[in-house]
C-alpha atoms as a PDB file:
ATOM      1  CA  MET A   1     -32.223  -6.910 -30.681  1.00  0.00           C
ATOM      2  CA  THR A   2     -34.024  -7.167 -27.341  1.00  0.00           C
ATOM      3  CA  ALA A   3     -35.133  -9.980 -25.080  1.00  0.00           C
ATOM      4  CA  VAL A   4     -37.120 -10.418 -21.906  1.00  0.00           C
ATOM      5  CA  VAL A   5     -35.069 -11.832 -19.035  1.00  0.00           C
ATOM      6  CA  ASP A   6     -36.269 -13.270 -15.742  1.00  0.00           C
ATOM      7  CA  PHE A   7     -34.207 -12.250 -12.714  1.00  0.00           C
ATOM      8  CA  TRP A   8     -35.582 -14.046  -9.624  1.00  0.00           C
ATOM      9  CA  GLY A   9     -39.118 -13.589 -10.891  1.00  0.00           C
ATOM     10  CA  VAL A  10     -38.574 -10.018 -12.097  1.00  0.00           C
ATOM     11  CA  LYS A  11     -39.001  -9.705 -15.846  1.00  0.00           C
ATOM     12  CA  ARG A  12     -37.049  -7.022 -17.693  1.00  0.00           C
ATOM     13  CA  ARG A  13     -36.448  -6.195 -21.333  1.00  0.00           C
ATOM     14  CA  VAL A  14     -32.732  -5.999 -22.138  1.00  0.00           C
ATOM     15  CA  ARG A  15     -30.788  -5.105 -25.265  1.00  0.00           C
ATOM     16  CA  LEU A  16     -28.711  -7.810 -26.910  1.00  0.00           C
ATOM     17  CA  ASP A  17     -26.452  -5.790 -29.194  1.00  0.00           C
ATOM     18  CA  LEU A  18     -23.557  -5.694 -26.690  1.00  0.00           C
ATOM     19  CA  CYS A  19     -23.643  -9.383 -25.784  1.00  0.00           C
ATOM     20  CA  ASP A  20     -20.373 -11.216 -26.397  1.00  0.00           C
ATOM     21  CA  GLU A  21     -22.063 -13.926 -28.463  1.00  0.00           C
ATOM     22  CA  PRO A  22     -25.514 -14.758 -29.852  1.00  0.00           C
ATOM     23  CA  VAL A  23     -28.133 -15.939 -27.363  1.00  0.00           C
ATOM     24  CA  GLN A  24     -31.189 -18.116 -27.713  1.00  0.00           C
ATOM     25  CA  VAL A  25     -34.350 -18.569 -25.668  1.00  0.00           C
ATOM     26  CA  GLY A  26     -33.388 -20.346 -22.439  1.00  0.00           C
ATOM     27  CA  ASP A  27     -29.814 -19.021 -22.314  1.00  0.00           C
ATOM     28  CA  TYR A  28     -28.559 -17.250 -19.207  1.00  0.00           C
ATOM     29  CA  VAL A  29     -26.968 -13.834 -19.603  1.00  0.00           C
ATOM     30  CA  LEU A  30     -25.146 -11.357 -17.414  1.00  0.00           C
ATOM     31  CA  ASN A  31     -27.213  -8.172 -17.499  1.00  0.00           C
ATOM     32  CA  HIS A  32     -25.856  -4.738 -16.663  1.00  0.00           C
ATOM     33  CA  VAL A  33     -28.056  -1.630 -16.746  1.00  0.00           C
ATOM     34  CA  GLY A  34     -30.403  -3.030 -19.358  1.00  0.00           C
ATOM     35  CA  PHE A  35     -27.785  -4.650 -21.584  1.00  0.00           C
ATOM     36  CA  ALA A  36     -26.992  -8.344 -21.830  1.00  0.00           C
ATOM     37  CA  ILE A  37     -23.196  -8.204 -21.877  1.00  0.00           C
ATOM     38  CA  ARG A  38     -22.248 -11.866 -21.650  1.00  0.00           C
ATOM     39  CA  ARG A  39     -23.885 -15.212 -22.312  1.00  0.00           C
ATOM     40  CA  ILE A  40     -23.206 -17.494 -19.365  1.00  0.00           C
ATOM     41  CA  PRO A  41     -22.036 -20.909 -20.594  1.00  0.00           C
ATOM     42  CA  SER A  42     -24.392 -23.708 -19.539  1.00  0.00           C
ATOM     43  CA  GLU A  43     -21.652 -25.359 -17.470  1.00  0.00           C
ATOM     44  CA  ASP A  44     -21.278 -22.125 -15.417  1.00  0.00           C
ATOM     45  CA  VAL A  45     -24.966 -21.373 -14.773  1.00  0.00           C
ATOM     46  CA  GLN A  46     -25.331 -23.325 -11.508  1.00  0.00           C
ATOM     47  CA  THR A  47     -22.144 -21.857 -10.015  1.00  0.00           C
ATOM     48  CA  THR A  48     -23.177 -18.340 -11.041  1.00  0.00           C
ATOM     49  CA  LEU A  49     -26.617 -18.697  -9.429  1.00  0.00           C
ATOM     50  CA  GLU A  50     -25.046 -20.106  -6.258  1.00  0.00           C
ATOM     51  CA  LEU A  51     -22.661 -17.125  -6.056  1.00  0.00           C
ATOM     52  CA  TYR A  52     -25.562 -14.675  -6.323  1.00  0.00           C
ATOM     53  CA  GLU A  53     -27.503 -16.570  -3.650  1.00  0.00           C
ATOM     54  CA  GLN A  54     -24.443 -16.588  -1.375  1.00  0.00           C
ATOM     55  CA  LEU A  55     -23.942 -12.858  -1.921  1.00  0.00           C
ATOM     56  CA  LEU A  56     -27.536 -12.136  -0.917  1.00  0.00           C
ATOM     57  CA  ARG A  57     -27.462 -14.549   2.031  1.00  0.00           C
ATOM     58  CA  GLU A  58     -24.227 -13.112   3.475  1.00  0.00           C
ATOM     59  CA  ASN A  59     -25.384  -9.505   3.185  1.00  0.00           C
ATOM     60  CA  THR A  60     -28.572  -9.454   5.234  1.00  0.00           C
ATOM     61  CA  GLY A  61     -28.410  -6.316   7.310  1.00  0.00           C
ATOM     62  CA  GLN A  62     -25.352  -7.158   9.404  1.00  0.00           C
ATOM     63  CA  GLY A  63     -23.162  -4.106   8.981  1.00  0.00           C
ATOM     64  CA  PRO A  64     -22.733  -2.160   5.763  1.00  0.00           C
ATOM     65  CA  GLU A  65     -24.147  -4.009   2.778  1.00  0.00           C
ATOM     66  CA  ASP A  66     -21.934  -4.941  -0.136  1.00  0.00           C
ATOM     67  CA  LEU A  67     -22.664  -2.607  -3.064  1.00  0.00           C
ATOM     68  CA  MET A  68     -23.331  -5.457  -5.471  1.00  0.00           C
ATOM     69  CA  ALA A  69     -25.735  -7.113  -3.031  1.00  0.00           C
ATOM     70  CA  ALA A  70     -27.522  -3.791  -2.582  1.00  0.00           C
ATOM     71  CA  ASP A  71     -27.816  -3.414  -6.360  1.00  0.00           C
ATOM     72  CA  VAL A  72     -29.211  -6.938  -6.791  1.00  0.00           C
ATOM     73  CA  ARG A  73     -31.719  -6.424  -3.971  1.00  0.00           C
ATOM     74  CA  GLY A  74     -32.751  -3.068  -5.453  1.00  0.00           C
ATOM     75  CA  GLU A  75     -33.399  -4.656  -8.857  1.00  0.00           C
ATOM     76  CA  ILE A  76     -35.467  -7.441  -7.318  1.00  0.00           C
ATOM     77  CA  GLU A  77     -37.501  -5.074  -5.136  1.00  0.00           C
ATOM     78  CA  ALA A  78     -38.064  -2.530  -7.932  1.00  0.00           C
ATOM     79  CA  GLY A  79     -39.355  -5.221 -10.229  1.00  0.00           C
ATOM     80  CA  ARG A  80     -41.814  -6.553  -7.689  1.00  0.00           C
ATOM     81  CA  SER A  81     -43.353  -3.198  -6.824  1.00  0.00           C
END
């Protein structure tokens, strides 16, 4: 009941037992603290990735950083070190 996910080049093992529906290799999932909690429908993948990229782009050290952007950056940096 685990899988390896790739999050901007950072690979993590996540648990699948809380996911809202079964997933297969190649599916995109929403991961929260080591648990895949939702399979992202294929028609929503591009929009979801664009929203994450926008979040990171708009929160680049200009004033207080959005907490979600800080969390995403922390995950990326932790995985690369």
